[in-house]
Each structure stands twice: as C-alpha cells, then as structure tokens.
C-alpha cells in the first residue's frame, strides 16, 4: 500500500490547505471565528481524511473516508464562492483556487473508484 504522502491528490490537497491558510489570514477580523475558521476546517479535512482512510483495514473503509474528503472539498468550494460573493476575494483571485478544487475533486473521485473496485 502506498503511503498517503506519496499520493498526488494528498499532496495537492495539502498544498491547497497551506494556500488557504495564507489567503484567509487577510480576511476581516470579524470572520476569524466564522468564515475563516470554517474554510480552514473544511479544507484541512480533505488531506486529513485521505490520510486517515489510507490506514483503515478494508477498502470499503478507505473509500468511505475518501467520500468524506469529497464532501469536505465540496464544502471548501462553497466557502470560496461565499468569500468571493462577500467581496473578501476577487473573482480573479478566486478562480485559481476554484480550479484547483475542481481538479482535486476529479482526482479524489478517481481514487475512490479505484479503491472501491473489486480486487482481481
């Protein structure tokens, strides 16, 4: 079994978390316990669930954690849209983040399908 740190989807989601921490440090102070915290927690949940799932005993358990990561990534996407629509982030600044979320979502989906596939 491959270590989770070697998975491209984990590496990219970890990098996204680091970028989002830097981004949210510039959000208004009144959002510290609101949008800032929520966005950081949602984004952090993605690589965390990939890592945790990779150590589960069965493929079904691993797939379940990958699905949780997919849900957290969808939450991250919405929160980025909200930050953009609230004016904390310009459309031009949001676009690369949303593009990366979309690519990570594709990667996660394919990994989950691979994990769910019956072994031959």
N, C-alpha and C. Protein backbone atom coordinates (compact mmCIF):
# COMPACT_ATOMS: atom_id res chain seq x y z
N UNK A 1 0.84 -1.19 0.00
CA UNK A 1 0.00 0.00 0.00
C UNK A 1 0.88 1.24 0.00
N UNK A 2 0.53 2.17 -0.84
CA UNK A 2 1.27 3.42 -0.99
C UNK A 2 1.02 4.32 0.23
N UNK A 3 2.08 4.97 0.69
CA UNK A 3 1.92 5.93 1.78
C UNK A 3 1.08 7.11 1.29
N UNK A 4 0.24 7.63 2.16
CA UNK A 4 -0.64 8.72 1.75
C UNK A 4 0.13 9.93 1.27
N UNK A 5 1.32 10.17 1.82
CA UNK A 5 2.11 11.34 1.43
C UNK A 5 2.64 11.22 0.00
N UNK A 6 2.60 10.02 -0.55
CA UNK A 6 3.04 9.81 -1.93
C UNK A 6 1.91 10.00 -2.94
N UNK A 7 0.69 10.11 -2.46
CA UNK A 7 -0.46 10.29 -3.34
C UNK A 7 -0.51 11.73 -3.84
N UNK A 8 -0.60 11.91 -5.15
CA UNK A 8 -0.67 13.25 -5.73
C UNK A 8 -1.88 14.03 -5.20
N UNK A 9 -2.99 13.33 -5.01
CA UNK A 9 -4.20 14.01 -4.53
C UNK A 9 -4.00 14.52 -3.10
N UNK A 10 -3.27 13.77 -2.28
CA UNK A 10 -2.99 14.25 -0.93
C UNK A 10 -2.04 15.44 -1.00
N UNK A 11 -1.00 15.35 -1.83
CA UNK A 11 -0.03 16.44 -1.95
C UNK A 11 -0.70 17.73 -2.40
N UNK A 12 -1.58 17.63 -3.39
CA UNK A 12 -2.26 18.82 -3.90
C UNK A 12 -3.25 19.38 -2.88
N UNK A 13 -3.94 18.50 -2.18
CA UNK A 13 -4.89 19.00 -1.18
C UNK A 13 -4.15 19.62 0.01
N UNK A 14 -3.01 19.08 0.36
CA UNK A 14 -2.19 19.67 1.43
C UNK A 14 -1.70 21.07 1.01
N UNK A 15 -1.24 21.18 -0.23
CA UNK A 15 -0.80 22.48 -0.75
C UNK A 15 -1.95 23.48 -0.75
N UNK A 16 -3.14 23.02 -1.12
CA UNK A 16 -4.31 23.90 -1.11
C UNK A 16 -4.58 24.41 0.31
N UNK A 17 -4.47 23.55 1.30
CA UNK A 17 -4.67 23.96 2.70
C UNK A 17 -3.68 25.07 3.07
N UNK A 18 -2.42 24.87 2.72
CA UNK A 18 -1.41 25.89 3.03
C UNK A 18 -1.75 27.22 2.37
N UNK A 19 -2.17 27.17 1.11
CA UNK A 19 -2.53 28.38 0.39
C UNK A 19 -3.75 29.06 1.01
N UNK A 20 -4.72 28.25 1.43
CA UNK A 20 -5.94 28.82 2.01
C UNK A 20 -5.67 29.43 3.39
N UNK A 21 -4.75 28.85 4.14
CA UNK A 21 -4.37 29.47 5.42
C UNK A 21 -3.79 30.86 5.17
N UNK A 22 -2.93 30.97 4.15
CA UNK A 22 -2.34 32.27 3.84
C UNK A 22 -3.42 33.24 3.36
N UNK A 23 -4.30 32.75 2.50
CA UNK A 23 -5.38 33.59 1.97
C UNK A 23 -6.27 34.11 3.08
N UNK A 24 -6.72 33.24 3.96
CA UNK A 24 -7.68 33.63 4.99
C UNK A 24 -7.07 34.52 6.07
N UNK A 25 -5.75 34.55 6.14
CA UNK A 25 -5.13 35.45 7.12
C UNK A 25 -5.43 36.91 6.77
N UNK A 26 -5.84 37.16 5.53
CA UNK A 26 -6.20 38.51 5.11
C UNK A 26 -7.69 38.80 5.18
N UNK A 27 -8.49 37.85 5.64
CA UNK A 27 -9.93 38.07 5.77
C UNK A 27 -10.18 39.01 6.95
N UNK A 28 -11.34 39.66 6.97
CA UNK A 28 -11.64 40.58 8.08
C UNK A 28 -11.58 39.87 9.44
N UNK A 29 -11.16 40.61 10.44
CA UNK A 29 -11.02 40.07 11.79
C UNK A 29 -12.33 39.50 12.32
N UNK A 30 -13.44 40.12 11.95
CA UNK A 30 -14.74 39.63 12.45
C UNK A 30 -15.10 38.26 11.88
N UNK A 31 -14.38 37.80 10.86
CA UNK A 31 -14.62 36.47 10.28
C UNK A 31 -13.73 35.39 10.91
N UNK A 32 -12.93 35.79 11.88
CA UNK A 32 -11.98 34.84 12.48
C UNK A 32 -12.65 33.56 12.97
N UNK A 33 -13.79 33.69 13.62
CA UNK A 33 -14.49 32.51 14.14
C UNK A 33 -15.63 32.09 13.23
N UNK A 34 -15.77 32.76 12.10
CA UNK A 34 -16.81 32.44 11.14
C UNK A 34 -16.22 31.81 9.90
N UNK A 35 -16.25 32.57 8.82
CA UNK A 35 -15.82 32.06 7.52
C UNK A 35 -14.37 31.58 7.52
N UNK A 36 -13.49 32.32 8.15
CA UNK A 36 -12.07 31.93 8.18
C UNK A 36 -11.90 30.55 8.80
N UNK A 37 -12.47 30.36 9.97
CA UNK A 37 -12.37 29.08 10.67
C UNK A 37 -13.04 27.96 9.87
N UNK A 38 -14.22 28.23 9.35
CA UNK A 38 -14.98 27.21 8.60
C UNK A 38 -14.21 26.78 7.35
N UNK A 39 -13.66 27.73 6.61
CA UNK A 39 -12.93 27.41 5.39
C UNK A 39 -11.66 26.62 5.71
N UNK A 40 -10.96 27.02 6.73
CA UNK A 40 -9.75 26.29 7.11
C UNK A 40 -10.08 24.86 7.54
N UNK A 41 -11.14 24.69 8.32
CA UNK A 41 -11.50 23.35 8.79
C UNK A 41 -11.96 22.46 7.64
N UNK A 42 -12.75 23.01 6.74
CA UNK A 42 -13.23 22.22 5.60
C UNK A 42 -12.07 21.78 4.72
N UNK A 43 -11.17 22.72 4.41
CA UNK A 43 -10.03 22.39 3.56
C UNK A 43 -9.10 21.39 4.23
N UNK A 44 -8.85 21.57 5.52
CA UNK A 44 -7.97 20.67 6.26
C UNK A 44 -8.53 19.26 6.33
N UNK A 45 -9.84 19.15 6.32
CA UNK A 45 -10.49 17.84 6.39
C UNK A 45 -10.18 16.97 5.18
N UNK A 46 -9.87 17.57 4.04
CA UNK A 46 -9.63 16.80 2.82
C UNK A 46 -8.37 15.93 2.97
N UNK A 47 -7.17 16.52 3.14
CA UNK A 47 -6.00 15.66 3.28
C UNK A 47 -6.02 14.82 4.55
N UNK A 48 -6.69 15.31 5.59
CA UNK A 48 -6.79 14.55 6.83
C UNK A 48 -7.55 13.25 6.60
N UNK A 49 -8.66 13.30 5.89
CA UNK A 49 -9.44 12.10 5.63
C UNK A 49 -8.76 11.16 4.64
N UNK A 50 -8.02 11.71 3.69
CA UNK A 50 -7.22 10.85 2.81
C UNK A 50 -6.21 10.07 3.63
N UNK A 51 -5.52 10.77 4.53
CA UNK A 51 -4.51 10.13 5.38
C UNK A 51 -5.14 9.08 6.29
N UNK A 52 -6.20 9.46 6.99
CA UNK A 52 -6.82 8.53 7.92
C UNK A 52 -7.38 7.31 7.20
N UNK A 53 -8.04 7.52 6.10
CA UNK A 53 -8.62 6.41 5.34
C UNK A 53 -7.59 5.44 4.83
N UNK A 54 -6.42 5.96 4.48
CA UNK A 54 -5.38 5.09 3.93
C UNK A 54 -4.88 4.06 4.94
N UNK A 55 -5.14 4.29 6.19
CA UNK A 55 -4.69 3.36 7.24
C UNK A 55 -5.81 2.46 7.75
N UNK A 56 -6.96 2.52 7.13
CA UNK A 56 -8.07 1.65 7.54
C UNK A 56 -7.84 0.25 7.00
N UNK A 57 -8.48 -0.70 7.62
CA UNK A 57 -8.22 -2.11 7.32
C UNK A 57 -8.82 -2.60 6.02
N UNK A 58 -9.92 -2.02 5.60
CA UNK A 58 -10.57 -2.52 4.39
C UNK A 58 -10.68 -1.42 3.33
N UNK A 59 -10.82 -1.85 2.10
CA UNK A 59 -11.01 -0.91 1.00
C UNK A 59 -12.31 -0.13 1.17
N UNK A 60 -13.34 -0.79 1.68
CA UNK A 60 -14.62 -0.11 1.88
C UNK A 60 -14.47 1.04 2.88
N UNK A 61 -13.71 0.81 3.95
CA UNK A 61 -13.48 1.88 4.93
C UNK A 61 -12.69 3.02 4.31
N UNK A 62 -11.65 2.67 3.54
CA UNK A 62 -10.84 3.69 2.87
C UNK A 62 -11.73 4.51 1.93
N UNK A 63 -12.56 3.84 1.14
CA UNK A 63 -13.45 4.53 0.21
C UNK A 63 -14.39 5.47 0.96
N UNK A 64 -14.86 5.05 2.12
CA UNK A 64 -15.77 5.90 2.91
C UNK A 64 -15.06 7.19 3.33
N UNK A 65 -13.80 7.09 3.75
CA UNK A 65 -13.04 8.29 4.13
C UNK A 65 -12.75 9.17 2.91
N UNK A 66 -12.52 8.56 1.76
CA UNK A 66 -12.33 9.34 0.54
C UNK A 66 -13.61 10.09 0.19
N UNK A 67 -14.76 9.45 0.42
CA UNK A 67 -16.04 10.10 0.17
C UNK A 67 -16.25 11.27 1.13
N UNK A 68 -15.83 11.11 2.37
CA UNK A 68 -15.91 12.21 3.34
C UNK A 68 -15.02 13.36 2.87
N UNK A 69 -13.84 13.03 2.35
CA UNK A 69 -12.94 14.06 1.82
C UNK A 69 -13.60 14.78 0.65
N UNK A 70 -14.32 14.04 -0.19
CA UNK A 70 -15.04 14.67 -1.30
C UNK A 70 -16.08 15.66 -0.79
N UNK A 71 -16.78 15.28 0.26
CA UNK A 71 -17.77 16.18 0.85
C UNK A 71 -17.13 17.43 1.42
N UNK A 72 -16.01 17.26 2.09
CA UNK A 72 -15.29 18.41 2.66
C UNK A 72 -14.78 19.33 1.56
N UNK A 73 -14.38 18.74 0.45
CA UNK A 73 -13.90 19.54 -0.68
C UNK A 73 -15.04 20.35 -1.29
N UNK A 74 -16.23 19.75 -1.36
CA UNK A 74 -17.40 20.49 -1.85
C UNK A 74 -17.73 21.65 -0.91
N UNK A 75 -17.60 21.42 0.39
CA UNK A 75 -17.80 22.48 1.37
C UNK A 75 -16.77 23.59 1.16
N UNK A 76 -15.53 23.22 0.94
CA UNK A 76 -14.47 24.19 0.68
C UNK A 76 -14.81 25.03 -0.55
N UNK A 77 -15.29 24.37 -1.60
CA UNK A 77 -15.66 25.08 -2.83
C UNK A 77 -16.75 26.11 -2.53
N UNK A 78 -17.79 25.70 -1.82
CA UNK A 78 -18.86 26.64 -1.49
C UNK A 78 -18.34 27.83 -0.68
N UNK A 79 -17.50 27.56 0.30
CA UNK A 79 -16.99 28.63 1.15
C UNK A 79 -16.12 29.60 0.37
N UNK A 80 -15.40 29.11 -0.63
CA UNK A 80 -14.64 30.02 -1.51
C UNK A 80 -15.59 30.89 -2.33
N UNK A 81 -16.67 30.28 -2.81
CA UNK A 81 -17.68 31.05 -3.55
C UNK A 81 -18.29 32.11 -2.65
N UNK A 82 -18.59 31.74 -1.41
CA UNK A 82 -19.15 32.69 -0.45
C UNK A 82 -18.17 33.83 -0.19
N UNK A 83 -16.90 33.50 0.03
CA UNK A 83 -15.88 34.54 0.27
C UNK A 83 -15.80 35.49 -0.92
N UNK A 84 -15.88 34.92 -2.12
CA UNK A 84 -15.87 35.76 -3.33
C UNK A 84 -17.11 36.67 -3.36
N UNK A 85 -18.27 36.07 -3.11
CA UNK A 85 -19.52 36.83 -3.20
C UNK A 85 -19.66 37.87 -2.09
N UNK A 86 -18.99 37.66 -0.96
CA UNK A 86 -18.98 38.65 0.12
C UNK A 86 -17.95 39.76 -0.13
N UNK A 87 -17.13 39.58 -1.16
CA UNK A 87 -16.13 40.59 -1.50
C UNK A 87 -14.81 40.45 -0.78
N UNK A 88 -14.60 39.32 -0.10
CA UNK A 88 -13.32 39.09 0.59
C UNK A 88 -12.25 38.61 -0.39
N UNK A 89 -12.70 38.24 -1.58
CA UNK A 89 -11.84 37.63 -2.58
C UNK A 89 -12.37 38.06 -3.94
N UNK A 90 -11.53 38.58 -4.80
CA UNK A 90 -11.99 38.97 -6.14
C UNK A 90 -12.23 37.71 -6.97
N UNK A 91 -13.03 37.85 -8.01
CA UNK A 91 -13.28 36.72 -8.92
C UNK A 91 -11.99 36.21 -9.53
N UNK A 92 -11.09 37.14 -9.87
CA UNK A 92 -9.81 36.76 -10.47
C UNK A 92 -8.93 35.98 -9.49
N UNK A 93 -9.00 36.37 -8.22
CA UNK A 93 -8.22 35.69 -7.19
C UNK A 93 -8.85 34.35 -6.82
N UNK A 94 -10.17 34.27 -6.88
CA UNK A 94 -10.88 33.04 -6.53
C UNK A 94 -10.72 31.96 -7.60
N UNK A 95 -10.63 32.36 -8.85
CA UNK A 95 -10.63 31.40 -9.97
C UNK A 95 -9.56 30.31 -9.85
N UNK A 96 -8.31 30.62 -9.54
CA UNK A 96 -7.32 29.54 -9.44
C UNK A 96 -7.62 28.58 -8.29
N UNK A 97 -8.14 29.09 -7.19
CA UNK A 97 -8.49 28.23 -6.06
C UNK A 97 -9.63 27.30 -6.46
N UNK A 98 -10.64 27.85 -7.11
CA UNK A 98 -11.78 27.04 -7.53
C UNK A 98 -11.37 26.02 -8.59
N UNK A 99 -10.44 26.40 -9.46
CA UNK A 99 -9.92 25.46 -10.46
C UNK A 99 -9.17 24.31 -9.80
N UNK A 100 -8.40 24.62 -8.78
CA UNK A 100 -7.66 23.58 -8.06
C UNK A 100 -8.61 22.66 -7.31
N UNK A 101 -9.66 23.22 -6.72
CA UNK A 101 -10.67 22.41 -6.05
C UNK A 101 -11.29 21.44 -7.04
N UNK A 102 -11.61 21.92 -8.23
CA UNK A 102 -12.21 21.08 -9.26
C UNK A 102 -11.27 19.93 -9.66
N UNK A 103 -10.00 20.24 -9.82
CA UNK A 103 -9.04 19.20 -10.20
C UNK A 103 -8.86 18.18 -9.08
N UNK A 104 -8.76 18.64 -7.85
CA UNK A 104 -8.64 17.72 -6.71
C UNK A 104 -9.89 16.85 -6.61
N UNK A 105 -11.05 17.43 -6.87
CA UNK A 105 -12.30 16.66 -6.82
C UNK A 105 -12.25 15.51 -7.84
N UNK A 106 -11.77 15.80 -9.04
CA UNK A 106 -11.65 14.74 -10.06
C UNK A 106 -10.69 13.64 -9.60
N UNK A 107 -9.56 14.06 -9.04
CA UNK A 107 -8.56 13.10 -8.57
C UNK A 107 -9.12 12.23 -7.45
N UNK A 108 -9.81 12.85 -6.51
CA UNK A 108 -10.41 12.11 -5.39
C UNK A 108 -11.44 11.11 -5.88
N UNK A 109 -12.27 11.55 -6.82
CA UNK A 109 -13.30 10.68 -7.38
C UNK A 109 -12.67 9.44 -8.01
N UNK A 110 -11.64 9.66 -8.81
CA UNK A 110 -10.98 8.53 -9.48
C UNK A 110 -10.30 7.60 -8.47
N UNK A 111 -9.69 8.17 -7.45
CA UNK A 111 -9.06 7.34 -6.42
C UNK A 111 -10.11 6.51 -5.69
N UNK A 112 -11.24 7.14 -5.36
CA UNK A 112 -12.31 6.39 -4.66
C UNK A 112 -12.82 5.26 -5.53
N UNK A 113 -13.03 5.50 -6.82
CA UNK A 113 -13.49 4.44 -7.72
C UNK A 113 -12.47 3.30 -7.78
N UNK A 114 -11.21 3.65 -7.81
CA UNK A 114 -10.15 2.64 -7.84
C UNK A 114 -10.15 1.81 -6.56
N UNK A 115 -10.30 2.47 -5.43
CA UNK A 115 -10.31 1.79 -4.13
C UNK A 115 -11.55 0.90 -4.02
N UNK A 116 -12.68 1.36 -4.55
CA UNK A 116 -13.93 0.60 -4.47
C UNK A 116 -13.97 -0.59 -5.42
N UNK A 117 -13.14 -0.56 -6.46
CA UNK A 117 -13.16 -1.63 -7.48
C UNK A 117 -12.79 -2.97 -6.83
N UNK A 118 -13.50 -4.02 -7.21
CA UNK A 118 -13.16 -5.33 -6.65
C UNK A 118 -11.75 -5.75 -7.06
N UNK A 119 -11.04 -6.36 -6.13
CA UNK A 119 -9.69 -6.83 -6.42
C UNK A 119 -9.76 -8.04 -7.32
N UNK A 120 -8.80 -8.14 -8.23
CA UNK A 120 -8.78 -9.26 -9.17
C UNK A 120 -7.76 -10.27 -8.77
